[in-house]
Amino acid sequence: MRTLQISGQPIVGGLSQCQRYDSSSKDRRFRLPLPKLVEVQVEWVKRQVAEYISVQRETYRGRAMPLDRDQMEAMHHFFPASTLDSARVLVLSGERVANPPFYAQLAWLIHQRRES
């Protein structure tokens, strides 16, 4: 088995069984099967996600618009006015947000766990 490494640290070892939906549970929400990661893996994922969010924010911020009246009305039960006043939205037309650059590595990591 090939071991994926980030900064010289293996990130495949140490995964445990995936969490699955339990229909007998009182908590009937569906849970995606997420592997339990060791600390170095969690830190790697956190850094990758933070960087991705930062890049996406900078990419789309200039075209985002304040919420319109209908959007404010729909959301005012869930968020304070100050949050809604500062929120911005952008509806993409003719383009899509790409998967994060680390997505393939993360998918590989999860796939390796399922095979073991």
N, C-alpha and C. Protein backbone atom coordinates (compact mmCIF):
# COMPACT_ATOMS: atom_id res chain seq x y z
N MET A 1 0.84 -1.19 0.00
CA MET A 1 0.00 0.00 0.00
C MET A 1 0.88 1.25 0.00
N ARG A 2 0.57 2.19 -0.88
CA ARG A 2 1.28 3.45 -0.97
C ARG A 2 0.84 4.36 0.18
N THR A 3 1.76 5.07 0.79
CA THR A 3 1.43 5.97 1.89
C THR A 3 1.54 7.41 1.42
N LEU A 4 0.47 8.17 1.56
CA LEU A 4 0.47 9.59 1.23
C LEU A 4 1.15 10.33 2.37
N GLN A 5 2.05 11.25 2.01
CA GLN A 5 2.75 12.01 3.03
C GLN A 5 2.56 13.49 2.81
N ILE A 6 2.41 14.22 3.90
CA ILE A 6 2.34 15.67 3.88
C ILE A 6 3.45 16.16 4.81
N SER A 7 4.32 16.99 4.29
CA SER A 7 5.47 17.48 5.06
C SER A 7 6.25 16.33 5.69
N GLY A 8 6.39 15.25 4.95
CA GLY A 8 7.16 14.11 5.43
C GLY A 8 6.44 13.22 6.42
N GLN A 9 5.20 13.57 6.77
CA GLN A 9 4.43 12.79 7.74
C GLN A 9 3.39 11.94 7.00
N PRO A 10 3.29 10.65 7.31
CA PRO A 10 2.25 9.83 6.68
C PRO A 10 0.87 10.29 7.14
N ILE A 11 -0.09 10.34 6.20
CA ILE A 11 -1.43 10.75 6.62
C ILE A 11 -2.45 9.65 6.41
N VAL A 12 -2.02 8.46 6.05
CA VAL A 12 -2.97 7.36 5.85
C VAL A 12 -3.13 6.54 7.11
N GLY A 13 -2.07 6.23 7.80
CA GLY A 13 -2.14 5.37 8.97
C GLY A 13 -3.00 5.95 10.08
N GLY A 14 -3.61 5.08 10.87
CA GLY A 14 -4.35 5.53 12.04
C GLY A 14 -5.81 5.84 11.81
N LEU A 15 -6.34 5.51 10.65
CA LEU A 15 -7.77 5.75 10.43
C LEU A 15 -8.57 4.64 11.08
N SER A 16 -9.70 4.97 11.63
CA SER A 16 -10.55 3.96 12.25
C SER A 16 -11.80 3.76 11.42
N GLN A 17 -12.64 2.87 11.87
CA GLN A 17 -13.86 2.55 11.13
C GLN A 17 -14.72 3.79 10.92
N CYS A 18 -15.34 3.88 9.75
CA CYS A 18 -16.21 5.01 9.42
C CYS A 18 -17.49 4.96 10.25
N GLN A 19 -18.01 6.13 10.56
CA GLN A 19 -19.27 6.23 11.28
C GLN A 19 -20.41 6.07 10.28
N ARG A 20 -21.42 5.29 10.59
CA ARG A 20 -22.51 5.01 9.68
C ARG A 20 -23.85 5.43 10.30
N TYR A 21 -24.87 5.53 9.47
CA TYR A 21 -26.22 5.85 9.93
C TYR A 21 -26.76 4.69 10.74
N ASP A 22 -27.33 4.97 11.87
CA ASP A 22 -27.92 3.95 12.73
C ASP A 22 -29.41 4.23 12.81
N SER A 23 -30.22 3.40 12.12
CA SER A 23 -31.66 3.64 12.06
C SER A 23 -32.34 3.42 13.41
N SER A 24 -31.68 2.73 14.33
CA SER A 24 -32.29 2.51 15.65
C SER A 24 -32.01 3.67 16.60
N SER A 25 -31.14 4.57 16.21
CA SER A 25 -30.77 5.70 17.05
C SER A 25 -31.90 6.71 17.15
N LYS A 26 -31.99 7.40 18.30
CA LYS A 26 -32.96 8.48 18.43
C LYS A 26 -32.59 9.65 17.52
N ASP A 27 -31.29 9.76 17.23
CA ASP A 27 -30.79 10.81 16.33
C ASP A 27 -30.90 10.26 14.91
N ARG A 28 -31.95 10.63 14.19
CA ARG A 28 -32.24 10.05 12.88
C ARG A 28 -31.59 10.80 11.72
N ARG A 29 -30.72 11.74 12.03
CA ARG A 29 -30.04 12.46 10.95
C ARG A 29 -29.06 11.52 10.26
N PHE A 30 -28.95 11.68 8.95
CA PHE A 30 -27.99 10.90 8.19
C PHE A 30 -26.59 11.43 8.46
N ARG A 31 -25.68 10.56 8.68
CA ARG A 31 -24.30 10.96 8.91
C ARG A 31 -23.43 10.38 7.81
N LEU A 32 -22.65 11.25 7.19
CA LEU A 32 -21.74 10.79 6.16
C LEU A 32 -20.66 9.93 6.80
N PRO A 33 -20.20 8.92 6.08
CA PRO A 33 -19.14 8.07 6.63
C PRO A 33 -17.81 8.82 6.61
N LEU A 34 -17.42 9.36 7.75
CA LEU A 34 -16.18 10.12 7.86
C LEU A 34 -15.15 9.31 8.64
N PRO A 35 -13.96 9.17 8.08
CA PRO A 35 -12.94 8.44 8.83
C PRO A 35 -12.44 9.26 10.00
N LYS A 36 -12.02 8.59 11.05
CA LYS A 36 -11.37 9.29 12.16
C LYS A 36 -9.91 9.44 11.78
N LEU A 37 -9.42 10.67 11.87
CA LEU A 37 -8.07 10.98 11.44
C LEU A 37 -7.15 11.17 12.63
N VAL A 38 -5.89 10.86 12.43
CA VAL A 38 -4.90 11.13 13.46
C VAL A 38 -4.60 12.63 13.43
N GLU A 39 -3.94 13.13 14.47
CA GLU A 39 -3.74 14.57 14.63
C GLU A 39 -3.07 15.22 13.42
N VAL A 40 -2.04 14.61 12.87
CA VAL A 40 -1.33 15.21 11.73
C VAL A 40 -2.26 15.32 10.52
N GLN A 41 -3.16 14.37 10.36
CA GLN A 41 -4.12 14.41 9.26
C GLN A 41 -5.13 15.53 9.47
N VAL A 42 -5.63 15.66 10.69
CA VAL A 42 -6.60 16.71 11.00
C VAL A 42 -5.98 18.09 10.76
N GLU A 43 -4.76 18.27 11.21
CA GLU A 43 -4.08 19.56 11.02
C GLU A 43 -3.89 19.86 9.54
N TRP A 44 -3.53 18.86 8.76
CA TRP A 44 -3.36 19.04 7.31
C TRP A 44 -4.69 19.46 6.68
N VAL A 45 -5.78 18.76 7.03
CA VAL A 45 -7.10 19.09 6.46
C VAL A 45 -7.50 20.51 6.87
N LYS A 46 -7.30 20.86 8.13
CA LYS A 46 -7.66 22.21 8.60
C LYS A 46 -6.92 23.29 7.81
N ARG A 47 -5.62 23.09 7.58
CA ARG A 47 -4.85 24.08 6.81
C ARG A 47 -5.35 24.16 5.37
N GLN A 48 -5.64 23.03 4.77
CA GLN A 48 -6.10 23.01 3.38
C GLN A 48 -7.47 23.70 3.25
N VAL A 49 -8.37 23.41 4.15
CA VAL A 49 -9.71 24.01 4.11
C VAL A 49 -9.63 25.52 4.34
N ALA A 50 -8.84 25.94 5.30
CA ALA A 50 -8.71 27.38 5.58
C ALA A 50 -8.17 28.12 4.37
N GLU A 51 -7.17 27.56 3.72
CA GLU A 51 -6.59 28.19 2.54
C GLU A 51 -7.61 28.24 1.40
N TYR A 52 -8.34 27.16 1.19
CA TYR A 52 -9.35 27.11 0.14
C TYR A 52 -10.43 28.17 0.36
N ILE A 53 -10.92 28.28 1.58
CA ILE A 53 -11.94 29.28 1.89
C ILE A 53 -11.41 30.69 1.65
N SER A 54 -10.19 30.94 2.06
CA SER A 54 -9.59 32.25 1.87
C SER A 54 -9.48 32.61 0.39
N VAL A 55 -9.02 31.68 -0.42
CA VAL A 55 -8.89 31.92 -1.86
C VAL A 55 -10.26 32.14 -2.49
N GLN A 56 -11.25 31.33 -2.12
CA GLN A 56 -12.59 31.50 -2.69
C GLN A 56 -13.19 32.84 -2.29
N ARG A 57 -13.00 33.24 -1.06
CA ARG A 57 -13.52 34.53 -0.59
C ARG A 57 -12.94 35.66 -1.43
N GLU A 58 -11.64 35.65 -1.64
CA GLU A 58 -10.99 36.70 -2.44
C GLU A 58 -11.43 36.65 -3.90
N THR A 59 -11.65 35.45 -4.42
CA THR A 59 -12.06 35.29 -5.82
C THR A 59 -13.44 35.88 -6.08
N TYR A 60 -14.38 35.66 -5.19
CA TYR A 60 -15.77 36.01 -5.45
C TYR A 60 -16.27 37.25 -4.70
N ARG A 61 -15.54 37.74 -3.74
CA ARG A 61 -15.99 38.85 -2.91
C ARG A 61 -16.41 40.08 -3.72
N GLY A 62 -15.66 40.42 -4.73
CA GLY A 62 -15.93 41.63 -5.51
C GLY A 62 -17.25 41.62 -6.26
N ARG A 63 -17.77 40.44 -6.55
CA ARG A 63 -19.04 40.34 -7.28
C ARG A 63 -20.24 40.07 -6.38
N ALA A 64 -20.00 39.81 -5.11
CA ALA A 64 -21.10 39.49 -4.19
C ALA A 64 -21.90 40.74 -3.85
N MET A 65 -23.19 40.53 -3.64
CA MET A 65 -24.12 41.63 -3.36
C MET A 65 -24.76 41.42 -1.99
N PRO A 66 -25.20 42.51 -1.34
CA PRO A 66 -25.95 42.36 -0.08
C PRO A 66 -27.24 41.56 -0.33
N LEU A 67 -27.74 40.95 0.72
CA LEU A 67 -29.00 40.22 0.61
C LEU A 67 -30.13 41.18 0.22
N ASP A 68 -31.02 40.69 -0.64
CA ASP A 68 -32.17 41.53 -0.99
C ASP A 68 -33.26 41.37 0.07
N ARG A 69 -34.34 42.11 -0.07
CA ARG A 69 -35.40 42.12 0.95
C ARG A 69 -35.99 40.72 1.16
N ASP A 70 -36.24 39.98 0.08
CA ASP A 70 -36.81 38.63 0.21
C ASP A 70 -35.84 37.69 0.94
N GLN A 71 -34.58 37.78 0.63
CA GLN A 71 -33.59 36.94 1.31
C GLN A 71 -33.50 37.30 2.80
N MET A 72 -33.52 38.59 3.08
CA MET A 72 -33.50 39.03 4.49
C MET A 72 -34.71 38.49 5.24
N GLU A 73 -35.86 38.59 4.62
CA GLU A 73 -37.11 38.12 5.24
C GLU A 73 -37.04 36.62 5.51
N ALA A 74 -36.53 35.86 4.56
CA ALA A 74 -36.46 34.40 4.72
C ALA A 74 -35.49 34.00 5.83
N MET A 75 -34.46 34.78 6.06
CA MET A 75 -33.41 34.40 7.00
C MET A 75 -33.49 35.06 8.37
N HIS A 76 -34.35 36.07 8.52
CA HIS A 76 -34.32 36.85 9.77
C HIS A 76 -34.70 36.04 11.02
N HIS A 77 -35.37 34.91 10.85
CA HIS A 77 -35.72 34.06 12.00
C HIS A 77 -34.51 33.29 12.51
N PHE A 78 -33.48 33.18 11.70
CA PHE A 78 -32.34 32.32 12.02
C PHE A 78 -31.06 33.07 12.38
N PHE A 79 -30.96 34.33 11.96
CA PHE A 79 -29.73 35.09 12.17
C PHE A 79 -30.05 36.48 12.68
N PRO A 80 -29.14 37.03 13.50
CA PRO A 80 -29.35 38.41 13.96
C PRO A 80 -29.23 39.38 12.77
N ALA A 81 -29.87 40.52 12.90
CA ALA A 81 -29.86 41.54 11.84
C ALA A 81 -28.45 41.95 11.46
N SER A 82 -27.57 42.05 12.45
CA SER A 82 -26.19 42.47 12.15
C SER A 82 -25.48 41.47 11.23
N THR A 83 -25.78 40.19 11.41
CA THR A 83 -25.19 39.16 10.53
C THR A 83 -25.75 39.28 9.12
N LEU A 84 -27.07 39.44 9.02
CA LEU A 84 -27.70 39.55 7.71
C LEU A 84 -27.26 40.83 6.99
N ASP A 85 -27.08 41.91 7.74
CA ASP A 85 -26.63 43.17 7.13
C ASP A 85 -25.23 43.05 6.53
N SER A 86 -24.40 42.21 7.12
CA SER A 86 -23.03 42.07 6.60
C SER A 86 -22.87 40.91 5.62
N ALA A 87 -23.91 40.07 5.49
CA ALA A 87 -23.83 38.92 4.58
C ALA A 87 -23.88 39.38 3.13
N ARG A 88 -23.19 38.64 2.28
CA ARG A 88 -23.18 38.91 0.85
C ARG A 88 -23.46 37.59 0.13
N VAL A 89 -24.08 37.68 -1.05
CA VAL A 89 -24.42 36.50 -1.81
C VAL A 89 -24.02 36.71 -3.27
N LEU A 90 -23.62 35.62 -3.90
CA LEU A 90 -23.29 35.64 -5.32
C LEU A 90 -23.87 34.39 -5.93
N VAL A 91 -24.73 34.54 -6.92
CA VAL A 91 -25.27 33.41 -7.66
C VAL A 91 -24.46 33.29 -8.94
N LEU A 92 -23.78 32.18 -9.09
CA LEU A 92 -22.95 31.98 -10.27
C LEU A 92 -23.82 31.59 -11.46
N SER A 93 -23.51 32.15 -12.60
CA SER A 93 -24.24 31.83 -13.83
C SER A 93 -23.22 31.49 -14.90
N GLY A 94 -23.31 30.27 -15.41
CA GLY A 94 -22.38 29.86 -16.45
C GLY A 94 -21.00 29.49 -15.95
N GLU A 95 -20.84 29.37 -14.66
CA GLU A 95 -19.56 28.94 -14.07
C GLU A 95 -19.83 28.16 -12.80
N ARG A 96 -18.86 27.39 -12.40
CA ARG A 96 -18.97 26.58 -11.19
C ARG A 96 -17.74 26.76 -10.34
N VAL A 97 -17.92 26.63 -9.05
CA VAL A 97 -16.78 26.64 -8.14
C VAL A 97 -16.12 25.27 -8.23
N ALA A 98 -14.83 25.25 -8.48
CA ALA A 98 -14.10 23.99 -8.63
C ALA A 98 -13.92 23.30 -7.29
N ASN A 99 -13.74 21.99 -7.35
CA ASN A 99 -13.38 21.26 -6.14
C ASN A 99 -12.08 21.82 -5.58
N PRO A 100 -11.90 21.75 -4.28
CA PRO A 100 -10.64 22.22 -3.69
C PRO A 100 -9.46 21.44 -4.26
N PRO A 101 -8.29 22.07 -4.36
CA PRO A 101 -7.13 21.37 -4.91
C PRO A 101 -6.71 20.14 -4.10
N PHE A 102 -7.08 20.09 -2.83
CA PHE A 102 -6.72 18.94 -1.99
C PHE A 102 -7.77 17.83 -2.05
N TYR A 103 -8.84 18.03 -2.79
CA TYR A 103 -9.94 17.07 -2.82
C TYR A 103 -9.49 15.68 -3.25
N ALA A 104 -8.67 15.60 -4.28
CA ALA A 104 -8.21 14.29 -4.77
C ALA A 104 -7.40 13.57 -3.70
N GLN A 105 -6.55 14.29 -2.97
CA GLN A 105 -5.77 13.67 -1.90
C GLN A 105 -6.68 13.17 -0.78
N LEU A 106 -7.67 13.95 -0.42
CA LEU A 106 -8.59 13.56 0.64
C LEU A 106 -9.44 12.36 0.20
N ALA A 107 -9.90 12.37 -1.04
CA ALA A 107 -10.66 11.23 -1.56
C ALA A 107 -9.81 9.97 -1.57
N TRP A 108 -8.55 10.10 -1.95
CA TRP A 108 -7.63 8.96 -1.95
C TRP A 108 -7.47 8.42 -0.53
N LEU A 109 -7.30 9.32 0.43
CA LEU A 109 -7.13 8.93 1.82
C LEU A 109 -8.34 8.12 2.30
N ILE A 110 -9.53 8.60 2.01
CA ILE A 110 -10.76 7.91 2.42
C ILE A 110 -10.90 6.58 1.70
N HIS A 111 -10.57 6.56 0.40
CA HIS A 111 -10.64 5.32 -0.37
C HIS A 111 -9.70 4.27 0.21
N GLN A 112 -8.49 4.68 0.59
CA GLN A 112 -7.53 3.74 1.18
C GLN A 112 -8.08 3.14 2.46
N ARG A 113 -8.78 3.95 3.25
CA ARG A 113 -9.35 3.45 4.51
C ARG A 113 -10.44 2.41 4.22
N ARG A 114 -11.24 2.67 3.23
CA ARG A 114 -12.32 1.73 2.91
C ARG A 114 -11.80 0.41 2.38
N GLU A 115 -10.63 0.44 1.73
CA GLU A 115 -10.05 -0.80 1.21
C GLU A 115 -9.38 -1.63 2.30
N SER A 116 -8.99 -0.99 3.39
CA SER A 116 -8.27 -1.73 4.44
C SER A 116 -9.21 -2.39 5.43
